[in-house]
C-alpha atoms as a PDB file:
ATOM      1  CA  UNK A   1     -11.089 -20.752  -6.335  1.00  0.00           C
ATOM      2  CA  UNK A   2     -10.402 -21.992 -10.285  1.00  0.00           C
ATOM      3  CA  UNK A   3      -6.581 -21.573 -11.378  1.00  0.00           C
ATOM      4  CA  UNK A   4      -6.770 -18.390 -13.944  1.00  0.00           C
ATOM      5  CA  UNK A   5      -3.879 -17.668 -16.625  1.00  0.00           C
ATOM      6  CA  UNK A   6      -0.311 -15.358 -16.770  1.00  0.00           C
ATOM      7  CA  UNK A   7      -1.736 -12.734 -19.075  1.00  0.00           C
ATOM      8  CA  UNK A   8       0.861 -11.778 -21.271  1.00  0.00           C
ATOM      9  CA  UNK A   9       3.047  -9.427 -21.639  1.00  0.00           C
ATOM     10  CA  UNK A  10       2.041  -5.710 -22.550  1.00  0.00           C
ATOM     11  CA  UNK A  11       4.415  -3.245 -24.732  1.00  0.00           C
ATOM     12  CA  UNK A  12       4.130   0.591 -25.520  1.00  0.00           C
ATOM     13  CA  UNK A  13       6.518   3.102 -26.394  1.00  0.00           C
ATOM     14  CA  UNK A  14       9.994   2.889 -24.956  1.00  0.00           C
ATOM     15  CA  UNK A  15       8.531   0.343 -22.072  1.00  0.00           C
ATOM     16  CA  UNK A  16       8.139  -3.431 -21.992  1.00  0.00           C
ATOM     17  CA  UNK A  17       5.563  -3.955 -18.685  1.00  0.00           C
ATOM     18  CA  UNK A  18       4.997  -7.058 -17.722  1.00  0.00           C
ATOM     19  CA  UNK A  19       1.552  -7.554 -15.673  1.00  0.00           C
ATOM     20  CA  UNK A  20       2.808 -11.048 -13.850  1.00  0.00           C
ATOM     21  CA  UNK A  21      -0.097 -12.403 -11.541  1.00  0.00           C
ATOM     22  CA  UNK A  22       0.648 -14.450  -8.784  1.00  0.00           C
ATOM     23  CA  UNK A  23      -1.354 -18.188  -8.930  1.00  0.00           C
ATOM     24  CA  UNK A  24      -2.845 -19.952  -5.530  1.00  0.00           C
ATOM     25  CA  UNK A  25       0.010 -21.822  -5.150  1.00  0.00           C
ATOM     26  CA  UNK A  26       2.228 -18.562  -5.382  1.00  0.00           C
ATOM     27  CA  UNK A  27      -0.306 -16.684  -2.679  1.00  0.00           C
ATOM     28  CA  UNK A  28      -0.696 -20.366  -0.358  1.00  0.00           C
ATOM     29  CA  UNK A  29       3.294 -19.597  -0.213  1.00  0.00           C
ATOM     30  CA  UNK A  30       3.214 -15.335   1.128  1.00  0.00           C
ATOM     31  CA  UNK A  31       0.195 -15.413   2.631  1.00  0.00           C
ATOM     32  CA  UNK A  32      -1.360 -18.582   3.367  1.00  0.00           C
ATOM     33  CA  UNK A  33      -4.171 -16.705   5.235  1.00  0.00           C
ATOM     34  CA  UNK A  34      -5.582 -15.736   2.340  1.00  0.00           C
ATOM     35  CA  UNK A  35      -6.104 -19.071   1.430  1.00  0.00           C
ATOM     36  CA  UNK A  36      -7.525 -19.731   5.174  1.00  0.00           C
ATOM     37  CA  UNK A  37     -11.220 -21.742   4.337  1.00  0.00           C
ATOM     38  CA  UNK A  38     -12.292 -21.275   7.938  1.00  0.00           C
ATOM     39  CA  UNK A  39     -12.735 -18.712  10.672  1.00  0.00           C
ATOM     40  CA  UNK A  40     -10.998 -18.654  13.577  1.00  0.00           C
ATOM     41  CA  UNK A  41     -12.573 -20.582  16.613  1.00  0.00           C
ATOM     42  CA  UNK A  42     -12.644 -18.038  18.858  1.00  0.00           C
ATOM     43  CA  UNK A  43     -14.804 -15.817  16.949  1.00  0.00           C
ATOM     44  CA  UNK A  44     -18.703 -15.798  18.470  1.00  0.00           C
ATOM     45  CA  UNK A  45     -21.749 -17.197  16.131  1.00  0.00           C
ATOM     46  CA  UNK A  46     -22.460 -13.405  14.955  1.00  0.00           C
ATOM     47  CA  UNK A  47     -19.108 -13.440  12.595  1.00  0.00           C
ATOM     48  CA  UNK A  48     -19.953 -14.122   8.764  1.00  0.00           C
ATOM     49  CA  UNK A  49     -16.741 -16.106   7.436  1.00  0.00           C
ATOM     50  CA  UNK A  50     -15.893 -14.976   4.165  1.00  0.00           C
ATOM     51  CA  UNK A  51     -13.310 -16.584   2.269  1.00  0.00           C
ATOM     52  CA  UNK A  52     -10.560 -14.747   0.974  1.00  0.00           C
ATOM     53  CA  UNK A  53     -10.521 -16.716  -2.061  1.00  0.00           C
ATOM     54  CA  UNK A  54     -14.130 -15.849  -2.530  1.00  0.00           C
ATOM     55  CA  UNK A  55     -13.330 -12.231  -3.014  1.00  0.00           C
ATOM     56  CA  UNK A  56     -10.526 -13.028  -5.211  1.00  0.00           C
ATOM     57  CA  UNK A  57     -12.856 -15.090  -7.639  1.00  0.00           C
ATOM     58  CA  UNK A  58     -15.023 -12.003  -7.734  1.00  0.00           C
ATOM     59  CA  UNK A  59     -12.240  -9.514  -8.553  1.00  0.00           C
ATOM     60  CA  UNK A  60     -10.619 -11.872 -11.496  1.00  0.00           C
ATOM     61  CA  UNK A  61     -13.743 -11.776 -12.677  1.00  0.00           C
ATOM     62  CA  UNK A  62     -13.801  -7.610 -12.830  1.00  0.00           C
ATOM     63  CA  UNK A  63     -10.306  -8.321 -14.460  1.00  0.00           C
ATOM     64  CA  UNK A  64      -8.568  -7.758 -11.246  1.00  0.00           C
ATOM     65  CA  UNK A  65      -5.556 -10.295 -11.261  1.00  0.00           C
ATOM     66  CA  UNK A  66      -3.307 -10.281  -8.109  1.00  0.00           C
ATOM     67  CA  UNK A  67       0.003  -9.465  -8.286  1.00  0.00           C
ATOM     68  CA  UNK A  68       1.746  -9.463  -4.313  1.00  0.00           C
ATOM     69  CA  UNK A  69       0.251 -10.857  -1.381  1.00  0.00           C
ATOM     70  CA  UNK A  70       1.501 -10.689   2.292  1.00  0.00           C
ATOM     71  CA  UNK A  71       0.380 -11.435   5.684  1.00  0.00           C
ATOM     72  CA  UNK A  72       0.935  -9.919   9.470  1.00  0.00           C
ATOM     73  CA  UNK A  73       4.276 -12.525  11.053  1.00  0.00           C
ATOM     74  CA  UNK A  74       2.695 -14.477  13.913  1.00  0.00           C
ATOM     75  CA  UNK A  75       4.940 -14.165  16.909  1.00  0.00           C
ATOM     76  CA  UNK A  76       6.940 -17.349  18.380  1.00  0.00           C
ATOM     77  CA  UNK A  77       4.529 -19.556  20.232  1.00  0.00           C
ATOM     78  CA  UNK A  78       1.324 -18.224  19.102  1.00  0.00           C
ATOM     79  CA  UNK A  79       2.139 -20.210  15.145  1.00  0.00           C
ATOM     80  CA  UNK A  80      -1.738 -22.130  15.705  1.00  0.00           C
ATOM     81  CA  UNK A  81      -3.280 -17.635  14.745  1.00  0.00           C
ATOM     82  CA  UNK A  82      -0.683 -18.039  11.434  1.00  0.00           C
ATOM     83  CA  UNK A  83      -4.060 -19.001   8.913  1.00  0.00           C
ATOM     84  CA  UNK A  84      -6.185 -16.658  10.623  1.00  0.00           C
ATOM     85  CA  UNK A  85      -3.841 -13.298  10.600  1.00  0.00           C
ATOM     86  CA  UNK A  86      -4.237  -9.961   8.632  1.00  0.00           C
ATOM     87  CA  UNK A  87      -3.368 -10.355   5.044  1.00  0.00           C
ATOM     88  CA  UNK A  88      -2.842  -7.388   1.828  1.00  0.00           C
ATOM     89  CA  UNK A  89      -3.361  -8.520  -1.826  1.00  0.00           C
ATOM     90  CA  UNK A  90      -2.224  -6.128  -4.811  1.00  0.00           C
ATOM     91  CA  UNK A  91      -4.871  -6.600  -7.536  1.00  0.00           C
ATOM     92  CA  UNK A  92      -3.806  -5.220 -11.269  1.00  0.00           C
ATOM     93  CA  UNK A  93      -6.029  -5.022 -13.893  1.00  0.00           C
ATOM     94  CA  UNK A  94      -4.648  -4.801 -17.813  1.00  0.00           C
ATOM     95  CA  UNK A  95      -7.646  -2.122 -18.731  1.00  0.00           C
ATOM     96  CA  UNK A  96      -5.793   0.634 -17.090  1.00  0.00           C
ATOM     97  CA  UNK A  97      -2.412  -0.326 -18.876  1.00  0.00           C
ATOM     98  CA  UNK A  98      -2.843   3.596 -20.787  1.00  0.00           C
ATOM     99  CA  UNK A  99      -3.368   5.313 -17.657  1.00  0.00           C
ATOM    100  CA  UNK A 100      -0.127   3.800 -16.394  1.00  0.00           C
ATOM    101  CA  UNK A 101       1.681   5.398 -19.616  1.00  0.00           C
ATOM    102  CA  UNK A 102       0.868   8.357 -17.910  1.00  0.00           C
ATOM    103  CA  UNK A 103       2.119   8.040 -14.990  1.00  0.00           C
ATOM    104  CA  UNK A 104       5.619   6.472 -16.493  1.00  0.00           C
ATOM    105  CA  UNK A 105       6.243   3.296 -14.509  1.00  0.00           C
ATOM    106  CA  UNK A 106       3.372   3.733 -12.031  1.00  0.00           C
ATOM    107  CA  UNK A 107       0.025   1.200 -12.338  1.00  0.00           C
ATOM    108  CA  UNK A 108      -3.273   1.909 -10.452  1.00  0.00           C
ATOM    109  CA  UNK A 109      -3.793  -0.673  -8.396  1.00  0.00           C
ATOM    110  CA  UNK A 110      -6.875  -2.147  -6.020  1.00  0.00           C
ATOM    111  CA  UNK A 111      -5.497  -3.427  -2.436  1.00  0.00           C
ATOM    112  CA  UNK A 112      -7.558  -6.134  -0.722  1.00  0.00           C
ATOM    113  CA  UNK A 113      -6.171  -6.493   3.305  1.00  0.00           C
ATOM    114  CA  UNK A 114      -8.742  -8.752   5.425  1.00  0.00           C
ATOM    115  CA  UNK A 115      -8.221 -11.767   8.657  1.00  0.00           C
ATOM    116  CA  UNK A 116      -9.997 -14.662   9.732  1.00  0.00           C
ATOM    117  CA  UNK A 117      -9.108 -14.088  12.964  1.00  0.00           C
ATOM    118  CA  UNK A 118     -12.154 -10.990  13.655  1.00  0.00           C
ATOM    119  CA  UNK A 119      -9.368  -8.126  14.084  1.00  0.00           C
ATOM    120  CA  UNK A 120     -10.164  -6.574  10.559  1.00  0.00           C
ATOM    121  CA  UNK A 121     -13.062  -6.276   7.729  1.00  0.00           C
ATOM    122  CA  UNK A 122     -12.354  -6.463   4.054  1.00  0.00           C
ATOM    123  CA  UNK A 123     -11.403  -3.229   3.266  1.00  0.00           C
ATOM    124  CA  UNK A 124     -10.440  -2.101  -0.514  1.00  0.00           C
ATOM    125  CA  UNK A 125      -7.963   0.498  -1.173  1.00  0.00           C
ATOM    126  CA  UNK A 126      -6.818   2.546  -4.041  1.00  0.00           C
ATOM    127  CA  UNK A 127      -3.376   1.732  -4.222  1.00  0.00           C
ATOM    128  CA  UNK A 128      -0.222   2.719  -6.827  1.00  0.00           C
ATOM    129  CA  UNK A 129       2.986   0.498  -7.503  1.00  0.00           C
ATOM    130  CA  UNK A 130       5.733   2.101  -8.819  1.00  0.00           C
ATOM    131  CA  UNK A 131       8.144  -0.522 -11.069  1.00  0.00           C
ATOM    132  CA  UNK A 132      11.646   1.085 -10.265  1.00  0.00           C
ATOM    133  CA  UNK A 133      11.666   0.847  -7.086  1.00  0.00           C
ATOM    134  CA  UNK A 134       9.151  -2.461  -6.213  1.00  0.00           C
ATOM    135  CA  UNK A 135       6.934   0.025  -3.263  1.00  0.00           C
ATOM    136  CA  UNK A 136       3.496   0.508  -3.468  1.00  0.00           C
ATOM    137  CA  UNK A 137       1.440   3.367  -2.742  1.00  0.00           C
ATOM    138  CA  UNK A 138      -2.537   3.397  -0.431  1.00  0.00           C
ATOM    139  CA  UNK A 139      -4.383   5.836  -1.708  1.00  0.00           C
ATOM    140  CA  UNK A 140      -6.651   7.728   1.473  1.00  0.00           C
ATOM    141  CA  UNK A 141      -7.961  11.016   1.993  1.00  0.00           C
ATOM    142  CA  UNK A 142     -11.812  12.449   2.149  1.00  0.00           C
ATOM    143  CA  UNK A 143     -11.806  12.316  -1.615  1.00  0.00           C
ATOM    144  CA  UNK A 144     -10.561   8.449  -1.963  1.00  0.00           C
ATOM    145  CA  UNK A 145     -10.810   7.104   1.828  1.00  0.00           C
ATOM    146  CA  UNK A 146     -10.728   3.180   2.055  1.00  0.00           C
ATOM    147  CA  UNK A 147     -14.239   1.093   1.612  1.00  0.00           C
ATOM    148  CA  UNK A 148     -15.454  -1.643   3.842  1.00  0.00           C
ATOM    149  CA  UNK A 149     -17.211  -5.259   4.262  1.00  0.00           C
ATOM    150  CA  UNK A 150     -18.114  -6.231   7.276  1.00  0.00           C
ATOM    151  CA  UNK A 151     -18.208  -9.612   7.999  1.00  0.00           C
ATOM    152  CA  UNK A 152     -22.211  -9.832   8.572  1.00  0.00           C
ATOM    153  CA  UNK A 153     -24.577 -10.508   5.685  1.00  0.00           C
ATOM    154  CA  UNK A 154     -22.049 -10.397   2.968  1.00  0.00           C
ATOM    155  CA  UNK A 155     -23.411 -10.319  -0.431  1.00  0.00           C
ATOM    156  CA  UNK A 156     -21.888 -10.889  -3.500  1.00  0.00           C
ATOM    157  CA  UNK A 157     -23.410  -7.789  -4.888  1.00  0.00           C
ATOM    158  CA  UNK A 158     -21.574  -5.872  -2.088  1.00  0.00           C
ATOM    159  CA  UNK A 159     -18.122  -6.749  -2.841  1.00  0.00           C
ATOM    160  CA  UNK A 160     -19.079  -5.480  -6.911  1.00  0.00           C
ATOM    161  CA  UNK A 161     -20.266  -2.335  -5.715  1.00  0.00           C
ATOM    162  CA  UNK A 162     -17.502  -1.558  -3.498  1.00  0.00           C
ATOM    163  CA  UNK A 163     -15.398  -2.556  -6.282  1.00  0.00           C
ATOM    164  CA  UNK A 164     -16.519  -0.182  -8.483  1.00  0.00           C
ATOM    165  CA  UNK A 165     -16.543   2.199  -6.292  1.00  0.00           C
ATOM    166  CA  UNK A 166     -12.947   1.742  -5.849  1.00  0.00           C
ATOM    167  CA  UNK A 167     -12.291   1.615  -9.516  1.00  0.00           C
ATOM    168  CA  UNK A 168     -14.386   4.746 -10.226  1.00  0.00           C
ATOM    169  CA  UNK A 169     -11.876   6.504  -7.685  1.00  0.00           C
ATOM    170  CA  UNK A 170      -8.540   6.137 -10.430  1.00  0.00           C
ATOM    171  CA  UNK A 171      -9.321   8.771 -12.974  1.00  0.00           C
ATOM    172  CA  UNK A 172      -9.123  10.989 -10.308  1.00  0.00           C
ATOM    173  CA  UNK A 173      -5.648   9.407  -8.391  1.00  0.00           C
ATOM    174  CA  UNK A 174      -4.124   9.520 -12.319  1.00  0.00           C
ATOM    175  CA  UNK A 175      -4.614  13.106 -12.271  1.00  0.00           C
ATOM    176  CA  UNK A 176      -3.025  13.962  -8.997  1.00  0.00           C
ATOM    177  CA  UNK A 177      -0.543  12.216  -9.590  1.00  0.00           C
ATOM    178  CA  UNK A 178       0.582  13.847 -12.644  1.00  0.00           C
ATOM    179  CA  UNK A 179      -0.162  17.319 -10.920  1.00  0.00           C
ATOM    180  CA  UNK A 180       2.576  16.500  -8.288  1.00  0.00           C
ATOM    181  CA  UNK A 181       4.851  15.461 -11.216  1.00  0.00           C
ATOM    182  CA  UNK A 182       4.192  19.319 -12.433  1.00  0.00           C
ATOM    183  CA  UNK A 183       4.820  20.682  -9.226  1.00  0.00           C
ATOM    184  CA  UNK A 184       8.410  21.961  -8.528  1.00  0.00           C
ATOM    185  CA  UNK A 185       9.674  22.680  -5.484  1.00  0.00           C
ATOM    186  CA  UNK A 186      12.582  24.639  -4.000  1.00  0.00           C
ATOM    187  CA  UNK A 187      14.854  23.379  -2.145  1.00  0.00           C
ATOM    188  CA  UNK A 188      13.352  24.593   1.296  1.00  0.00           C
ATOM    189  CA  UNK A 189       9.361  23.443   0.333  1.00  0.00           C
ATOM    190  CA  UNK A 190      11.450  20.455   0.093  1.00  0.00           C
ATOM    191  CA  UNK A 191      13.219  20.703   3.346  1.00  0.00           C
ATOM    192  CA  UNK A 192       9.930  21.609   4.969  1.00  0.00           C
ATOM    193  CA  UNK A 193       7.643  18.320   2.515  1.00  0.00           C
ATOM    194  CA  UNK A 194       9.921  16.114   4.896  1.00  0.00           C
ATOM    195  CA  UNK A 195      10.114  17.739   8.287  1.00  0.00           C
ATOM    196  CA  UNK A 196       6.304  17.391   8.619  1.00  0.00           C
ATOM    197  CA  UNK A 197       6.353  13.958   7.602  1.00  0.00           C
ATOM    198  CA  UNK A 198       9.462  13.028  10.359  1.00  0.00           C
ATOM    199  CA  UNK A 199       6.608  15.277  13.092  1.00  0.00           C
ATOM    200  CA  UNK A 200       4.147  12.693  11.818  1.00  0.00           C
ATOM    201  CA  UNK A 201       6.376  10.061  12.184  1.00  0.00           C
ATOM    202  CA  UNK A 202       7.922  10.677  15.279  1.00  0.00           C
ATOM    203  CA  UNK A 203       6.282  13.671  17.281  1.00  0.00           C
ATOM    204  CA  UNK A 204       8.487  17.043  17.449  1.00  0.00           C
ATOM    205  CA  UNK A 205      10.602  16.602  20.311  1.00  0.00           C
ATOM    206  CA  UNK A 206      12.637  14.264  18.288  1.00  0.00           C
ATOM    207  CA  UNK A 207      15.530  15.553  15.716  1.00  0.00           C
ATOM    208  CA  UNK A 208      15.493  14.420  12.692  1.00  0.00           C
ATOM    209  CA  UNK A 209      18.033  14.023   9.477  1.00  0.00           C
ATOM    210  CA  UNK A 210      15.726  15.730   7.829  1.00  0.00           C
ATOM    211  CA  UNK A 211      18.677  15.651   4.506  1.00  0.00           C
ATOM    212  CA  UNK A 212      18.679  11.807   4.923  1.00  0.00           C
ATOM    213  CA  UNK A 213      14.911  11.583   4.086  1.00  0.00           C
ATOM    214  CA  UNK A 214      15.654  12.949   1.526  1.00  0.00           C
ATOM    215  CA  UNK A 215      18.663  10.958   0.121  1.00  0.00           C
ATOM    216  CA  UNK A 216      18.240  10.594  -3.575  1.00  0.00           C
ATOM    217  CA  UNK A 217      18.606   6.421  -3.904  1.00  0.00           C
ATOM    218  CA  UNK A 218      18.051   6.409  -7.383  1.00  0.00           C
ATOM    219  CA  UNK A 219      18.077   8.454 -10.142  1.00  0.00           C
ATOM    220  CA  UNK A 220      14.617   8.736 -11.891  1.00  0.00           C
ATOM    221  CA  UNK A 221      13.862  10.807  -8.121  1.00  0.00           C
ATOM    222  CA  UNK A 222      16.392  12.873  -8.865  1.00  0.00           C
ATOM    223  CA  UNK A 223      14.307  15.777  -9.908  1.00  0.00           C
ATOM    224  CA  UNK A 224      12.976  18.507  -7.613  1.00  0.00           C
ATOM    225  CA  UNK A 225       8.999  17.986  -8.425  1.00  0.00           C
ATOM    226  CA  UNK A 226       6.617  17.127  -5.702  1.00  0.00           C
ATOM    227  CA  UNK A 227       6.186  13.400  -7.279  1.00  0.00           C
ATOM    228  CA  UNK A 228      10.060  12.685  -7.006  1.00  0.00           C
ATOM    229  CA  UNK A 229      10.302  14.245  -3.540  1.00  0.00           C
ATOM    230  CA  UNK A 230       7.211  12.203  -2.357  1.00  0.00           C
ATOM    231  CA  UNK A 231       8.772   9.505  -3.323  1.00  0.00           C
ATOM    232  CA  UNK A 232      12.280   9.463  -2.350  1.00  0.00           C
ATOM    233  CA  UNK A 233      10.720  10.075   1.636  1.00  0.00           C
ATOM    234  CA  UNK A 234       8.952   7.652   0.921  1.00  0.00           C
ATOM    235  CA  UNK A 235      11.622   5.032   0.217  1.00  0.00           C
ATOM    236  CA  UNK A 236      13.528   6.093   3.253  1.00  0.00           C
ATOM    237  CA  UNK A 237      10.846   5.865   5.115  1.00  0.00           C
ATOM    238  CA  UNK A 238       9.981   2.296   4.447  1.00  0.00           C
ATOM    239  CA  UNK A 239      14.444   0.866   4.297  1.00  0.00           C
ATOM    240  CA  UNK A 240      14.117   2.702   8.009  1.00  0.00           C
ATOM    241  CA  UNK A 241      17.984   4.182   9.278  1.00  0.00           C
ATOM    242  CA  UNK A 242      17.525   7.579   9.640  1.00  0.00           C
ATOM    243  CA  UNK A 243      19.095   8.956  12.536  1.00  0.00           C
ATOM    244  CA  UNK A 244      16.737  10.121  14.730  1.00  0.00           C
ATOM    245  CA  UNK A 245      17.849  11.665  18.344  1.00  0.00           C
ATOM    246  CA  UNK A 246      15.891  12.274  21.705  1.00  0.00           C
ATOM    247  CA  UNK A 247      16.549  14.674  24.036  1.00  0.00           C
ATOM    248  CA  UNK A 248      16.386  13.204  27.589  1.00  0.00           C
ATOM    249  CA  UNK A 249      15.797  14.454  30.962  1.00  0.00           C
ATOM    250  CA  UNK A 250      19.371  14.409  32.462  1.00  0.00           C
ATOM    251  CA  UNK A 251      19.757  16.876  28.982  1.00  0.00           C
ATOM    252  CA  UNK A 252      21.842  13.735  26.955  1.00  0.00           C
ATOM    253  CA  UNK A 253      20.047  12.527  23.945  1.00  0.00           C
ATOM    254  CA  UNK A 254      19.625   9.020  22.934  1.00  0.00           C
ATOM    255  CA  UNK A 255      20.523   8.509  19.321  1.00  0.00           C
ATOM    256  CA  UNK A 256      18.885   5.514  17.647  1.00  0.00           C
ATOM    257  CA  UNK A 257      17.984   4.102  13.304  1.00  0.00           C
ATOM    258  CA  UNK A 258      14.505   4.064  12.750  1.00  0.00           C
ATOM    259  CA  UNK A 259      13.496   0.419  11.384  1.00  0.00           C
ATOM    260  CA  UNK A 260      12.450  -0.889   8.441  1.00  0.00           C
ATOM    261  CA  UNK A 261       8.302  -0.471   7.932  1.00  0.00           C
ATOM    262  CA  UNK A 262       7.238  -4.318   7.645  1.00  0.00           C
ATOM    263  CA  UNK A 263       4.315  -4.749   8.738  1.00  0.00           C
ATOM    264  CA  UNK A 264       0.624  -4.243   7.488  1.00  0.00           C
ATOM    265  CA  UNK A 265      -0.912  -1.767   9.168  1.00  0.00           C
ATOM    266  CA  UNK A 266       2.498   0.644   9.355  1.00  0.00           C
ATOM    267  CA  UNK A 267       2.951   0.427   5.690  1.00  0.00           C
ATOM    268  CA  UNK A 268      -0.810   1.531   5.312  1.00  0.00           C
ATOM    269  CA  UNK A 269      -0.630   4.156   7.472  1.00  0.00           C
ATOM    270  CA  UNK A 270       2.994   5.528   6.225  1.00  0.00           C
ATOM    271  CA  UNK A 271       1.429   5.827   2.835  1.00  0.00           C
ATOM    272  CA  UNK A 272      -1.690   7.430   3.555  1.00  0.00           C
ATOM    273  CA  UNK A 273       0.248  10.461   5.960  1.00  0.00           C
ATOM    274  CA  UNK A 274       2.145  10.493   2.670  1.00  0.00           C
ATOM    275  CA  UNK A 275      -0.593  11.266   0.327  1.00  0.00           C
ATOM    276  CA  UNK A 276      -2.511  13.707   2.374  1.00  0.00           C
ATOM    277  CA  UNK A 277       0.646  15.982   3.410  1.00  0.00           C
ATOM    278  CA  UNK A 278       1.620  15.496  -0.886  1.00  0.00           C
ATOM    279  CA  UNK A 279      -2.400  16.732  -1.545  1.00  0.00           C
ATOM    280  CA  UNK A 280      -2.116  19.348   1.273  1.00  0.00           C
ATOM    281  CA  UNK A 281       0.645  21.436  -1.179  1.00  0.00           C
ATOM    282  CA  UNK A 282      -0.480  21.176  -4.297  1.00  0.00           C
END
């Protein structure tokens, strides 16, 4: 895979957006499995190996450049599996800079997930990245579902088709965000939204500190609109530390704090859930 240049700063009214793309060395440090050039030896002959770098080249030809990379952690004693682990890379495209302006500090993205151990096919997701908190969002519902490319019979045309379909969804995503920004919620509606998120995340049998889920961590999230509430709840879920109380059979309760979300699968699941619940009240 050829090295690609770093795109310079883009400036628009009262905002400076730095499109800081990763080079191969940086990707290799953060996510070595993305640079792997052979599959796990445990896979069958049916499996068609598709190097993530090859897909990155195709994305680069369409103007999509990598900005973040992460892979699943390897358990102690299984270090040999690290080069094949599931990984996720986020891409941005300078052509969508105008769409970013319509969402304030938020950028549309394409997310790529893959593995080289047979545990995951190539998946492309529409995503959003918010500069103010460095949090990423994955869009998923009936309209914005992910697109998949199987490790069998891979063709460049398949990737190009998926990239086109994913990109076509971005203006609709921007429209949904704008609708969330203009949707004001009462205090009761904010509480009900956070409660629905808690029920989905932990089940209805646990008692959750809902006010903690709505805690404002930064001034940019202090509004009462759905988008601000969404981002407050997302931030608190991802950071963890939320008090949960679980009733026990002996009448006592067990108190604990939620853990920060670090895994790729949990991150995707939580963000998709938040988006779906938010859309349901638009």
